[in-house]
Protein backbone atom coordinates (compact mmCIF):
# COMPACT_ATOMS: atom_id res chain seq x y z
CA UNK A 1 -54.03 33.73 22.13
CA UNK A 2 -54.19 29.98 21.74
CA UNK A 3 -51.54 27.75 23.31
CA UNK A 4 -50.91 24.05 22.99
CA UNK A 5 -48.34 21.35 23.79
CA UNK A 6 -46.54 19.12 21.30
CA UNK A 7 -45.36 15.71 22.38
CA UNK A 8 -42.63 14.53 19.96
CA UNK A 9 -43.32 11.16 18.41
CA UNK A 10 -41.14 8.59 16.78
CA UNK A 11 -41.81 7.21 13.33
CA UNK A 12 -41.16 3.66 14.43
CA UNK A 13 -41.12 2.10 11.00
CA UNK A 14 -38.70 4.67 9.59
CA UNK A 15 -36.39 4.37 12.60
CA UNK A 16 -36.28 0.58 12.29
CA UNK A 17 -35.50 0.95 8.58
CA UNK A 18 -32.82 3.58 9.18
CA UNK A 19 -31.05 1.51 11.83
CA UNK A 20 -31.26 -1.67 9.74
CA UNK A 21 -29.59 0.25 6.89
CA UNK A 22 -27.15 2.13 9.13
CA UNK A 23 -24.65 -0.73 9.18
CA UNK A 24 -22.82 0.03 5.93
CA UNK A 25 -20.59 -3.05 6.03
CA UNK A 26 -22.59 -6.32 5.87
CA UNK A 27 -19.84 -8.01 7.91
CA UNK A 28 -20.95 -5.94 10.92
CA UNK A 29 -23.63 -8.58 11.43
CA UNK A 30 -20.79 -10.86 12.54
CA UNK A 31 -19.51 -8.27 15.02
CA UNK A 32 -22.94 -7.82 16.57
CA UNK A 33 -23.57 -11.57 16.78
CA UNK A 34 -20.27 -12.15 18.57
CA UNK A 35 -20.85 -9.21 20.94
CA UNK A 36 -24.25 -10.66 21.90
CA UNK A 37 -22.64 -14.03 22.61
CA UNK A 38 -20.06 -12.40 24.89
CA UNK A 39 -22.75 -10.45 26.72
CA UNK A 40 -24.58 -13.76 27.21
CA UNK A 41 -21.36 -15.11 28.82
CA UNK A 42 -20.96 -17.81 26.19
CA UNK A 43 -17.85 -19.99 26.08
CA UNK A 44 -18.44 -21.35 22.58
CA UNK A 45 -19.69 -19.64 19.41
CA UNK A 46 -20.46 -21.21 16.05
CA UNK A 47 -20.84 -19.20 12.84
CA UNK A 48 -21.91 -21.04 9.71
CA UNK A 49 -22.60 -19.56 6.28
CA UNK A 50 -24.29 -21.66 3.62
CA UNK A 51 -26.40 -21.28 0.50
CA UNK A 52 -29.62 -23.32 0.53
CA UNK A 53 -32.25 -23.81 -2.15
CA UNK A 54 -35.65 -22.33 -1.31
CA UNK A 55 -38.35 -22.64 -3.95
CA UNK A 56 -35.61 -23.46 -6.42
CA UNK A 57 -33.63 -20.28 -5.71
CA UNK A 58 -30.26 -20.06 -3.87
CA UNK A 59 -30.69 -18.27 -0.56
CA UNK A 60 -28.01 -17.17 1.91
CA UNK A 61 -28.36 -18.80 5.34
CA UNK A 62 -26.41 -17.54 8.34
CA UNK A 63 -26.59 -19.56 11.55
CA UNK A 64 -25.18 -18.21 14.81
CA UNK A 65 -25.04 -20.44 17.88
CA UNK A 66 -23.75 -19.81 21.39
CA UNK A 67 -23.89 -21.62 24.76
CA UNK A 68 -24.63 -18.47 26.73
CA UNK A 69 -27.35 -17.96 29.30
CA UNK A 70 -30.09 -17.67 26.65
CA UNK A 71 -33.15 -15.41 26.60
CA UNK A 72 -36.49 -15.40 28.39
CA UNK A 73 -39.58 -13.47 27.25
CA UNK A 74 -38.08 -10.11 28.29
CA UNK A 75 -34.81 -10.99 26.57
CA UNK A 76 -36.59 -11.83 23.32
CA UNK A 77 -38.58 -8.60 23.51
CA UNK A 78 -35.32 -6.65 23.91
CA UNK A 79 -33.68 -8.65 21.11
CA UNK A 80 -36.30 -7.54 18.59
CA UNK A 81 -36.98 -4.05 20.04
CA UNK A 82 -35.24 -0.89 18.92
CA UNK A 83 -33.45 1.01 21.68
CA UNK A 84 -34.56 -1.39 24.39
CA UNK A 85 -31.41 -2.82 25.92
CA UNK A 86 -31.47 -4.81 29.13
CA UNK A 87 -27.76 -4.17 29.45
CA UNK A 88 -27.87 -0.36 29.49
CA UNK A 89 -25.70 0.90 32.33
CA UNK A 90 -23.83 -2.39 32.66
CA UNK A 91 -20.11 -1.57 32.28
CA UNK A 92 -19.32 -5.23 31.62
CA UNK A 93 -21.60 -5.42 28.57
CA UNK A 94 -20.74 -4.48 25.01
CA UNK A 95 -24.28 -3.90 23.76
CA UNK A 96 -26.05 -0.97 25.44
CA UNK A 97 -28.01 0.89 22.76
CA UNK A 98 -30.43 -1.80 21.62
CA UNK A 99 -29.41 -1.24 18.00
CA UNK A 100 -27.00 -4.03 17.14
CA UNK A 101 -29.33 -6.89 16.30
CA UNK A 102 -31.43 -4.60 14.07
CA UNK A 103 -28.81 -5.26 11.41
CA UNK A 104 -30.49 -8.69 11.19
CA UNK A 105 -33.66 -6.99 9.95
CA UNK A 106 -32.03 -6.53 6.55
CA UNK A 107 -33.18 -10.02 5.62
CA UNK A 108 -36.10 -12.19 4.50
CA UNK A 109 -36.51 -14.18 7.72
CA UNK A 110 -35.15 -14.32 11.27
CA UNK A 111 -35.53 -17.35 13.47
CA UNK A 112 -34.40 -17.61 17.09
CA UNK A 113 -34.35 -20.70 19.30
CA UNK A 114 -33.23 -19.90 22.84
CA UNK A 115 -33.18 -21.70 26.19
CA UNK A 116 -32.98 -20.11 29.63
CA UNK A 117 -33.88 -21.45 33.05
CA UNK A 118 -35.58 -24.56 31.72
CA UNK A 119 -37.67 -22.83 29.06
CA UNK A 120 -37.07 -22.95 25.29
CA UNK A 121 -38.66 -20.50 22.87
CA UNK A 122 -38.87 -20.46 19.09
CA UNK A 123 -39.31 -16.94 17.65
CA UNK A 124 -39.91 -16.19 13.95
CA UNK A 125 -39.99 -12.87 12.13
CA UNK A 126 -41.04 -13.08 8.48
CA UNK A 127 -40.04 -10.58 5.76
CA UNK A 128 -38.69 -7.92 8.15
CA UNK A 129 -36.99 -5.77 5.54
CA UNK A 130 -39.84 -6.00 3.03
CA UNK A 131 -42.39 -5.03 5.69
CA UNK A 132 -40.32 -2.10 6.91
CA UNK A 133 -39.91 -0.90 3.34
CA UNK A 134 -43.70 -1.04 3.01
CA UNK A 135 -43.95 0.98 6.27
CA UNK A 136 -45.16 -1.93 8.36
CA UNK A 137 -43.63 -2.96 11.68
CA UNK A 138 -42.80 -6.67 11.40
CA UNK A 139 -44.15 -8.88 14.16
CA UNK A 140 -42.56 -11.87 15.87
CA UNK A 141 -44.37 -15.15 16.46
CA UNK A 142 -43.08 -16.92 19.58
CA UNK A 143 -43.93 -20.44 20.71
CA UNK A 144 -42.62 -22.41 23.63
CA UNK A 145 -40.95 -25.70 22.74
CA UNK A 146 -41.72 -28.66 24.96
CA UNK A 147 -39.82 -30.37 26.28
CA UNK A 148 -37.24 -27.65 26.74
CA UNK A 149 -33.68 -28.12 25.57
CA UNK A 150 -31.38 -29.34 28.30
CA UNK A 151 -28.60 -26.88 27.53
CA UNK A 152 -28.88 -23.10 27.75
CA UNK A 153 -27.94 -21.04 24.75
CA UNK A 154 -29.24 -19.37 21.62
CA UNK A 155 -29.38 -20.22 17.92
CA UNK A 156 -30.14 -17.42 15.46
CA UNK A 157 -30.82 -18.13 11.77
CA UNK A 158 -30.83 -15.17 9.37
CA UNK A 159 -32.15 -16.02 5.90
CA UNK A 160 -31.70 -13.93 2.76
CA UNK A 161 -29.49 -11.36 4.51
CA UNK A 162 -28.49 -8.24 2.54
CA UNK A 163 -30.66 -9.23 -0.41
CA UNK A 164 -28.66 -12.49 -0.71
CA UNK A 165 -25.46 -10.67 -1.70
CA UNK A 166 -22.84 -13.01 -0.35
CA UNK A 167 -19.41 -12.25 -1.83
CA UNK A 168 -18.16 -10.90 1.52
CA UNK A 169 -18.80 -14.13 3.40
CA UNK A 170 -15.86 -16.20 2.19
CA UNK A 171 -13.92 -17.97 4.93
CA UNK A 172 -10.68 -15.99 4.93
CA UNK A 173 -12.47 -12.66 4.71
CA UNK A 174 -14.73 -13.61 7.63
CA UNK A 175 -11.78 -14.88 9.64
CA UNK A 176 -9.85 -11.66 9.05
CA UNK A 177 -12.84 -9.54 10.10
CA UNK A 178 -13.38 -11.61 13.27
CA UNK A 179 -9.74 -11.36 14.29
CA UNK A 180 -9.55 -7.60 13.71
CA UNK A 181 -12.98 -6.08 14.34
CA UNK A 182 -14.93 -8.20 16.83
CA UNK A 183 -14.77 -9.00 20.53
CA UNK A 184 -13.39 -12.44 19.71
CA UNK A 185 -10.32 -10.71 18.27
CA UNK A 186 -10.00 -8.51 21.35
CA UNK A 187 -6.63 -6.95 22.18
CA UNK A 188 -7.30 -7.43 25.91
CA UNK A 189 -4.89 -10.36 26.22
CA UNK A 190 -2.02 -7.88 25.86
CA UNK A 191 -3.04 -6.44 29.24
CA UNK A 192 -3.08 -9.74 31.11
CA UNK A 193 -6.89 -9.96 31.05
CA UNK A 194 -7.73 -13.66 31.02
CA UNK A 195 -11.52 -13.74 31.42
CA UNK A 196 -12.12 -15.06 27.91
CA UNK A 197 -8.98 -17.09 27.30
CA UNK A 198 -10.01 -20.55 26.15
CA UNK A 199 -13.20 -19.34 24.49
CA UNK A 200 -13.96 -21.16 21.23
CA UNK A 201 -15.27 -19.91 17.91
CA UNK A 202 -15.99 -22.34 15.10
CA UNK A 203 -16.27 -20.71 11.68
CA UNK A 204 -17.47 -22.03 8.34
CA UNK A 205 -17.40 -19.59 5.43
CA UNK A 206 -19.32 -20.04 2.21
CA UNK A 207 -16.32 -21.55 0.45
CA UNK A 208 -15.62 -24.08 3.20
CA UNK A 209 -17.42 -27.31 4.10
CA UNK A 210 -15.50 -27.93 7.32
CA UNK A 211 -15.39 -25.49 10.23
CA UNK A 212 -12.19 -24.00 11.60
CA UNK A 213 -11.65 -23.34 15.29
CA UNK A 214 -10.26 -19.89 16.00
CA UNK A 215 -8.35 -18.88 19.12
CA UNK A 216 -9.51 -15.97 21.22
CA UNK A 217 -7.62 -12.70 21.11
CA UNK A 218 -5.88 -10.53 18.55
CA UNK A 219 -2.60 -11.99 17.32
CA UNK A 220 0.64 -10.16 17.94
CA UNK A 221 3.89 -11.73 16.72
CA UNK A 222 6.72 -12.44 19.20
CA UNK A 223 9.48 -9.89 19.62
CA UNK A 224 12.41 -10.36 17.26
CA UNK A 225 15.87 -11.51 18.33
CA UNK A 226 18.79 -9.20 18.95
CA UNK A 227 19.73 -6.71 16.26
CA UNK A 228 23.05 -8.20 15.23
CA UNK A 229 21.43 -11.60 14.80
CA UNK A 230 18.69 -10.06 12.64
CA UNK A 231 21.21 -8.29 10.44
CA UNK A 232 23.51 -11.31 10.15
CA UNK A 233 20.56 -13.51 9.17
CA UNK A 234 18.66 -11.17 6.84
CA UNK A 235 21.20 -8.47 5.80
CA UNK A 236 19.42 -5.74 3.81
CA UNK A 237 15.99 -7.22 4.64
CA UNK A 238 16.66 -7.14 8.39
CA UNK A 239 14.31 -4.15 9.07
CA UNK A 240 11.47 -6.15 7.49
CA UNK A 241 11.91 -8.83 10.18
CA UNK A 242 12.01 -6.52 13.18
CA UNK A 243 9.24 -6.79 15.81
CA UNK A 244 8.86 -5.16 19.22
CA UNK A 245 5.68 -4.81 21.28
CA UNK A 246 5.24 -1.93 23.74
CA UNK A 247 2.30 -2.01 26.19
CA UNK A 248 1.21 1.15 28.03
CA UNK A 249 -1.57 1.87 30.52
CA UNK A 250 -2.43 5.16 32.12
CA UNK A 251 -5.03 7.86 32.80
CA UNK A 252 -6.04 10.93 30.83
CA UNK A 253 -4.41 14.16 31.98
CA UNK A 254 -7.53 16.23 32.67
CA UNK A 255 -9.74 13.21 33.46
CA UNK A 256 -7.68 11.13 35.90
CA UNK A 257 -10.63 8.81 36.49
CA UNK A 258 -10.54 7.73 32.81
CA UNK A 259 -8.15 4.88 32.12
CA UNK A 260 -6.61 3.93 28.81
CA UNK A 261 -4.77 0.83 27.63
CA UNK A 262 -2.53 0.90 24.58
CA UNK A 263 -0.41 -1.60 22.70
CA UNK A 264 2.02 -0.43 20.02
CA UNK A 265 3.71 -3.19 18.06
CA UNK A 266 6.51 -2.10 15.72
CA UNK A 267 6.57 -4.58 12.84
CA UNK A 268 8.48 -4.91 9.60
CA UNK A 269 6.60 -5.94 6.47
CA UNK A 270 7.94 -9.51 6.50
CA UNK A 271 6.66 -9.91 10.04
CA UNK A 272 3.20 -8.67 9.01
CA UNK A 273 3.16 -10.99 6.02
CA UNK A 274 4.16 -13.98 8.17
CA UNK A 275 0.80 -14.00 10.00
CA UNK A 276 -1.53 -11.94 7.80
CA UNK A 277 -2.39 -13.79 4.61
CA UNK A 278 -4.76 -10.99 3.53
CA UNK A 279 -1.89 -8.61 2.78
CA UNK A 280 -1.14 -8.00 -0.89
CA UNK A 281 2.46 -8.42 -1.97
CA UNK A 282 4.38 -9.06 -5.20
CA UNK A 283 4.32 -12.67 -6.37
CA UNK A 284 1.55 -13.69 -3.96
CA UNK A 285 -2.11 -14.29 -4.76
CA UNK A 286 -3.99 -13.00 -1.74
CA UNK A 287 -7.57 -14.09 -0.95
CA UNK A 288 -10.51 -12.01 -2.09
CA UNK A 289 -10.84 -8.88 0.03
CA UNK A 290 -7.08 -8.45 0.43
CA UNK A 291 -5.66 -5.08 1.38
CA UNK A 292 -2.37 -3.20 1.62
CA UNK A 293 -0.34 -2.41 4.73
CA UNK A 294 -1.35 1.25 4.35
CA UNK A 295 -5.04 0.34 4.34
CA UNK A 296 -5.00 -1.78 7.48
CA UNK A 297 -2.09 -0.84 9.74
CA UNK A 298 -1.45 2.16 11.94
CA UNK A 299 -3.11 3.20 15.22
CA UNK A 300 -6.70 2.16 15.95
CA UNK A 301 -8.98 3.65 18.61
CA UNK A 302 -10.89 0.93 20.50
CA UNK A 303 -13.74 0.47 22.91
CA UNK A 304 -14.32 -2.86 24.64
CA UNK A 305 -10.88 -3.64 23.14
CA UNK A 306 -12.54 -3.72 19.69
CA UNK A 307 -11.09 -1.41 16.98
CA UNK A 308 -13.44 1.37 15.89
CA UNK A 309 -11.41 3.68 13.63
CA UNK A 310 -7.83 4.72 12.78
CA UNK A 311 -6.11 7.95 13.82
CA UNK A 312 -2.87 7.73 11.87
CA UNK A 313 -2.87 11.46 11.25
CA UNK A 314 -2.16 12.05 14.94
CA UNK A 315 1.26 10.41 14.73
CA UNK A 316 2.23 11.00 11.11
CA UNK A 317 4.97 13.54 10.65
CA UNK A 318 7.03 12.08 7.82
CA UNK A 319 4.38 10.65 5.53
CA UNK A 320 3.83 6.95 6.10
CA UNK A 321 5.79 5.94 9.20
CA UNK A 322 2.44 4.83 10.67
CA UNK A 323 2.76 1.69 8.53
CA UNK A 324 5.41 0.45 10.97
CA UNK A 325 2.76 0.30 13.69
CA UNK A 326 0.31 -2.46 14.53
CA UNK A 327 -1.21 -0.43 17.35
CA UNK A 328 -4.39 0.02 19.40
CA UNK A 329 -5.54 2.57 21.98
CA UNK A 330 -8.50 1.47 24.12
CA UNK A 331 -10.68 3.77 26.20
CA UNK A 332 -14.03 2.74 27.69
CA UNK A 333 -15.20 6.36 27.74
CA UNK A 334 -15.43 6.62 23.98
CA UNK A 335 -19.03 7.31 22.96
CA UNK A 336 -19.89 5.47 19.79
CA UNK A 337 -22.34 6.21 17.02
CA UNK A 338 -25.38 3.95 16.73
CA UNK A 339 -23.62 1.58 14.34
CA UNK A 340 -20.35 1.55 16.32
CA UNK A 341 -18.63 2.96 13.25
CA UNK A 342 -17.11 6.04 14.88
CA UNK A 343 -16.06 7.62 18.20
CA UNK A 344 -17.30 11.02 17.03
CA UNK A 345 -19.92 11.22 19.79
CA UNK A 346 -17.11 11.48 22.36
CA UNK A 347 -16.76 14.93 24.00
CA UNK A 348 -14.04 17.03 22.38
CA UNK A 349 -12.10 17.58 25.63
CA UNK A 350 -11.81 13.83 26.19
CA UNK A 351 -10.69 13.32 22.58
CA UNK A 352 -8.07 16.04 23.04
CA UNK A 353 -6.65 14.21 26.05
CA UNK A 354 -6.70 10.91 24.15
CA UNK A 355 -4.74 12.53 21.33
CA UNK A 356 -2.19 13.94 23.77
CA UNK A 357 -1.79 10.56 25.45
CA UNK A 358 -1.31 8.81 22.11
CA UNK A 359 1.28 11.36 20.94
CA UNK A 360 3.11 11.00 24.26
CA UNK A 361 3.31 7.23 23.76
CA UNK A 362 4.45 7.70 20.16
CA UNK A 363 7.16 10.22 21.14
CA UNK A 364 8.37 7.86 23.85
CA UNK A 365 8.69 5.09 21.27
CA UNK A 366 10.54 7.14 18.63
CA UNK A 367 12.94 8.38 21.32
CA UNK A 368 13.39 4.94 22.84
CA UNK A 369 15.38 1.77 22.24
CA UNK A 370 12.94 0.16 19.80
CA UNK A 371 13.08 3.03 17.34
CA UNK A 372 16.86 3.27 17.65
CA UNK A 373 17.08 -0.44 16.91
CA UNK A 374 15.01 0.00 13.73
CA UNK A 375 17.10 3.01 12.66
CA UNK A 376 20.29 1.02 13.31
CA UNK A 377 19.00 -1.85 11.20
CA UNK A 378 17.91 0.52 8.44
CA UNK A 379 21.29 2.27 8.52
CA UNK A 380 23.19 -1.01 8.39
CA UNK A 381 20.94 -2.26 5.60
CA UNK A 382 21.39 0.92 3.58
CA UNK A 383 25.16 0.77 4.06
CA UNK A 384 25.18 -2.85 2.93
CA UNK A 385 22.94 -2.02 -0.03
CA UNK A 386 25.24 0.84 -1.03
CA UNK A 387 28.42 -1.25 -0.82
CA UNK A 388 26.73 -4.14 -2.63
CA UNK A 389 25.40 -1.78 -5.28
CA UNK A 390 28.85 -0.26 -5.75
CA UNK A 391 30.52 -3.68 -5.85
CA UNK A 392 28.11 -5.09 -8.43
CA UNK A 393 28.23 -1.84 -10.39
CA UNK A 394 32.05 -2.01 -10.37
CA UNK A 395 32.00 -5.60 -11.61
CA UNK A 396 29.41 -4.75 -14.26
CA UNK A 397 31.41 -1.78 -15.48
CA UNK A 398 34.59 -3.85 -15.70
CA UNK A 399 32.73 -6.43 -17.79
CA UNK A 400 31.26 -3.68 -19.94
CA UNK A 401 34.64 -2.02 -20.35
CA UNK A 402 36.25 -5.30 -21.37
CA UNK A 403 33.56 -5.77 -24.01
CA UNK A 404 33.69 -2.22 -25.33
CA UNK A 405 35.24 -1.25 -28.66
CA UNK A 406 38.34 0.93 -28.48
CA UNK A 407 41.14 2.30 -30.62
CA UNK A 408 44.45 4.07 -30.04
CA UNK A 409 45.12 7.61 -31.24
CA UNK A 410 48.23 9.63 -30.44
CA UNK A 411 48.98 7.41 -27.43
CA UNK A 412 45.47 7.74 -26.00
CA UNK A 413 42.79 5.08 -25.78
CA UNK A 414 39.50 6.16 -27.31
CA UNK A 415 36.35 4.24 -26.25
CA UNK A 416 33.34 3.81 -28.47
CA UNK A 417 30.52 5.73 -26.76
CA UNK A 418 27.41 3.99 -25.41
CA UNK A 419 25.44 7.12 -24.44
CA UNK A 420 25.27 10.77 -25.35
CA UNK A 421 27.75 11.84 -22.65
CA UNK A 422 30.27 9.42 -24.16
CA UNK A 423 29.93 11.18 -27.52
CA UNK A 424 30.79 14.49 -25.87
CA UNK A 425 33.73 12.95 -23.99
CA UNK A 426 35.12 11.49 -27.22
CA UNK A 427 34.69 14.84 -28.97
CA UNK A 428 36.55 16.71 -26.19
CA UNK A 429 39.49 14.29 -26.30
CA UNK A 430 39.74 14.55 -30.09
CA UNK A 431 39.41 18.34 -29.99
CA UNK A 432 42.29 18.51 -27.51
CA UNK A 433 44.54 16.12 -29.51
CA UNK A 434 43.66 17.56 -32.94
CA UNK A 435 42.10 21.06 -32.63
CA UNK A 436 41.63 21.44 -36.36
CA UNK A 437 39.52 18.28 -36.64
CA UNK A 438 36.22 20.12 -36.11
CA UNK A 439 35.26 23.54 -37.50
CA UNK A 440 33.92 24.87 -34.21
CA UNK A 441 34.87 25.08 -30.55
CA UNK A 442 32.76 24.57 -27.44
CA UNK A 443 31.98 27.64 -25.34
CA UNK A 444 29.39 26.24 -22.94
CA UNK A 445 27.96 22.80 -22.14
CA UNK A 446 24.75 22.22 -20.18
CA UNK A 447 22.41 19.22 -20.32
CA UNK A 448 19.91 20.71 -17.85
CA UNK A 449 17.55 21.83 -20.61
CA UNK A 450 17.54 22.67 -24.31
CA UNK A 451 20.38 21.93 -26.72
CA UNK A 452 23.59 20.66 -25.16
CA UNK A 453 26.34 22.98 -26.44
CA UNK A 454 26.92 26.58 -27.44
CA UNK A 455 29.76 26.69 -29.92
CA UNK A 456 31.91 29.27 -31.64
CA UNK A 457 32.34 28.86 -35.40
CA UNK A 458 35.75 30.49 -35.60
CA UNK A 459 38.09 29.53 -32.78
CA UNK A 460 40.45 32.40 -33.62
CA UNK A 461 37.83 35.14 -33.18
CA UNK A 462 37.47 36.74 -29.70
CA UNK A 463 34.31 35.50 -28.00
CA UNK A 464 32.71 38.95 -27.70
CA UNK A 465 32.94 39.39 -31.49
CA UNK A 466 32.23 35.83 -32.59
CA UNK A 467 28.96 34.41 -33.76
CA UNK A 468 27.63 31.69 -31.45
CA UNK A 469 25.60 28.67 -32.43
CA UNK A 470 23.98 25.61 -30.96
CA UNK A 471 25.57 22.18 -31.41
CA UNK A 472 23.59 19.10 -30.36
CA UNK A 473 25.21 15.80 -29.34
CA UNK A 474 23.42 12.50 -29.94
CA UNK A 475 24.39 8.86 -29.61
CA UNK A 476 22.07 7.99 -32.51
CA UNK A 477 20.46 10.47 -34.86
CA UNK A 478 16.88 9.48 -35.72
CA UNK A 479 14.12 10.93 -37.87
CA UNK A 480 12.39 12.59 -34.87
CA UNK A 481 14.61 15.40 -33.61
CA UNK A 482 13.67 16.49 -30.09
CA UNK A 483 14.91 20.09 -30.45
CA UNK A 484 14.43 22.97 -32.85
CA UNK A 485 16.54 23.35 -36.00
CA UNK A 486 16.55 27.12 -35.38
CA UNK A 487 20.09 28.41 -34.64
CA UNK A 488 21.47 24.85 -34.85
CA UNK A 489 24.94 24.89 -36.38
CA UNK A 490 25.88 21.22 -36.26
CA UNK A 491 24.95 17.83 -34.89
CA UNK A 492 27.58 15.42 -33.59
CA UNK A 493 26.46 11.79 -33.30
CA UNK A 494 28.15 8.44 -33.12
CA UNK A 495 25.95 6.83 -35.75
CA UNK A 496 22.66 7.32 -37.60
CA UNK A 497 19.92 5.29 -39.20
CA UNK A 498 19.07 8.15 -41.57
CA UNK A 499 19.63 7.50 -45.29
CA UNK A 500 20.20 9.94 -48.11
CA UNK A 501 16.95 11.74 -48.93
CA UNK A 502 15.25 10.84 -45.62
CA UNK A 503 13.28 13.57 -43.84
CA UNK A 504 13.96 14.67 -40.26
CA UNK A 505 11.33 16.62 -38.27
CA UNK A 506 12.04 18.91 -35.31
CA UNK A 507 9.78 19.86 -32.37
CA UNK A 508 8.29 22.70 -34.43
CA UNK A 509 7.42 20.26 -37.23
CA UNK A 510 10.06 21.87 -39.48
CA UNK A 511 11.36 19.31 -41.94
CA UNK A 512 14.88 18.92 -43.29
CA UNK A 513 16.16 16.45 -45.83
CA UNK A 514 19.31 14.45 -45.22
CA UNK A 515 21.91 14.91 -47.96
CA UNK A 516 24.86 12.52 -47.92
CA UNK A 517 27.76 13.53 -50.13
CA UNK A 518 30.27 10.68 -50.64
CA UNK A 519 34.02 11.25 -50.30
CA UNK A 520 35.28 12.50 -53.68
CA UNK A 521 38.69 13.93 -52.87
CA UNK A 522 41.90 12.41 -51.54
CA UNK A 523 41.92 12.96 -47.80
CA UNK A 524 38.26 13.86 -47.90
CA UNK A 525 35.31 12.32 -46.08
CA UNK A 526 31.62 11.60 -46.47
CA UNK A 527 29.60 14.68 -45.63
CA UNK A 528 26.14 14.73 -44.04
CA UNK A 529 23.88 17.79 -44.20
CA UNK A 530 20.31 18.59 -43.16
CA UNK A 531 19.01 20.82 -45.91
CA UNK A 532 16.01 23.13 -46.16
CA UNK A 533 15.29 24.81 -49.54
CA UNK A 534 14.38 28.14 -47.91
CA UNK A 535 17.19 28.23 -45.32
CA UNK A 536 20.67 29.40 -46.20
CA UNK A 537 22.46 27.36 -43.56
CA UNK A 538 22.81 23.64 -44.02
CA UNK A 539 23.18 21.87 -40.66
CA UNK A 540 26.28 19.71 -40.87
CA UNK A 541 26.11 16.34 -39.20
CA UNK A 542 29.32 14.70 -38.00
CA UNK A 543 28.76 10.96 -37.88
CA UNK A 544 31.83 10.11 -35.82
CA UNK A 545 31.89 6.43 -36.69
CA UNK A 546 32.43 7.31 -40.38
CA UNK A 547 34.17 10.66 -39.88
CA UNK A 548 37.00 9.26 -37.71
CA UNK A 549 37.56 6.29 -39.97
CA UNK A 550 37.78 8.44 -43.11
CA UNK A 551 39.67 11.44 -41.66
CA UNK A 552 42.00 9.68 -39.20
CA UNK A 553 41.87 6.01 -40.17
CA UNK A 554 40.50 5.05 -36.76
CA UNK A 555 38.79 1.68 -36.46
CA UNK A 556 37.20 0.69 -33.15
CA UNK A 557 37.67 -2.97 -32.25
CA UNK A 558 36.96 -5.11 -29.16
CA UNK A 559 39.36 -4.26 -26.37
CA UNK A 560 40.67 -7.81 -25.97
CA UNK A 561 41.98 -7.91 -29.57
CA UNK A 562 44.42 -5.06 -28.93
CA UNK A 563 47.87 -5.88 -27.57
CA UNK A 564 49.12 -2.53 -26.27
CA UNK A 565 49.39 -2.13 -22.47
CA UNK A 566 47.02 0.83 -22.57
CA UNK A 567 44.23 -1.29 -23.97
CA UNK A 568 44.83 -4.63 -22.28
CA UNK A 569 41.96 -6.55 -20.74
CA UNK A 570 40.91 -4.85 -17.45
CA UNK A 571 41.57 -7.04 -14.45
CA UNK A 572 44.02 -9.27 -16.34
CA UNK A 573 47.08 -8.08 -14.41
CA UNK A 574 45.52 -9.05 -11.09
CA UNK A 575 44.59 -12.47 -12.44
CA UNK A 576 48.14 -13.16 -13.64
CA UNK A 577 49.71 -12.54 -10.25
């Protein structure tokens, strides 16, 4: 029986291509460039994005400069190698996999000028992405520059990156990404770590000609003033101006050697909007790439104090309360995927402890003073909103009542209806004052579904022996009837736009013609019927505006024109005192 040994091999070209394509967000180039500068112990970084003409075509140029310790021959080899990191095992370094700078390979040209220990090198890689696509490992030509530059540091130029697609590299979008997702926007300053305080980053986006200096560290707004002051100053909007930062450090329960650092900042929306110009909001034109509070805020897991991914579902019990949090949980024992896009390589038992620690912090917050302060503000704001709503509603209703049309009948004030419920109310009052006015009586009223009223045709007949019908109430009767004509005895409306001979259609597409019979007898009235040639019953329509005028002589006029005490202008008595 034959036996043999297989030594696994690596398809170098394919692996280079896979890693170069593994960074799904083109902005990750910025993250990797900044991480390299930090690992080189730089104190100043410059990022400049421009479009230059090459052979008459616009080409994206990205230039990254730092004043770090630079690279020698071994450093350059590691820079261009895949999986060859000189920093592996160094807990102080961000880069450890030797993958980050391979994002640069998605370009037409890479040039590096670097100085270390009195030697300056110029390295050039031509057509890296094209060569990889053609299954060819791109080479790097390196020459020593004499005399050497006096200052240590590295300049990297990446030309034609991401096939020259450049819409993501506007200034505000770059600035936002740097401050949220790179080492320069680190949350470490919340834990009194001062190693990088004073570091400079100068940024020039494609839509800017002048660079902007950014300050190191992720921005957290200052805590808000006392609650009563907030409420007195902002009233119902007070919760939107609340801010409180809570900083926690500790160790995982089952891994006491593993430390975590967490910062949970409770922020109202107005606070978020005060420092984050990328947030969308009504009446504000946000820069390109803007996002909502829901898309950005919540709780982020971090390594090296750089956010990796959100875990809002761990603390969400009521839907979207995570939007109150501007929060980060850092653990150096997270194991990241090759592109730093996920912590999913972390062992499950460590992740379980991280989740428990985060929930413990969250529970402490919601049971603590900060949460009670927010709830107090929200309660006060809601109470104020309710009283304000009731006050303005009261004033509006007084104005509406003063403008309404009314008339007097048998010592009672009747108000011209403005909605369907008002038609029913007017009917009930009239039916009580003059029972014989309508040829039916109401047995049941329900607006939950279907036709409003079940009526009895003969009020003198006992209910168990009487025939019951539907009666529908409308403010205005129109040509499209939103119920069935089946079993409909009458319609009571305040007014109608239907003319004699017009056709009305119900929900079953049954059509009925309006017949209007003018008053022909003394004491009579104009009669409205919906007629169908094949149906015995004509649906009588009571148009109250005409019916009450012709039967009872009632004319509805503006309230202020009537002089009786019952109909005097509302609020007038208080004004006359």
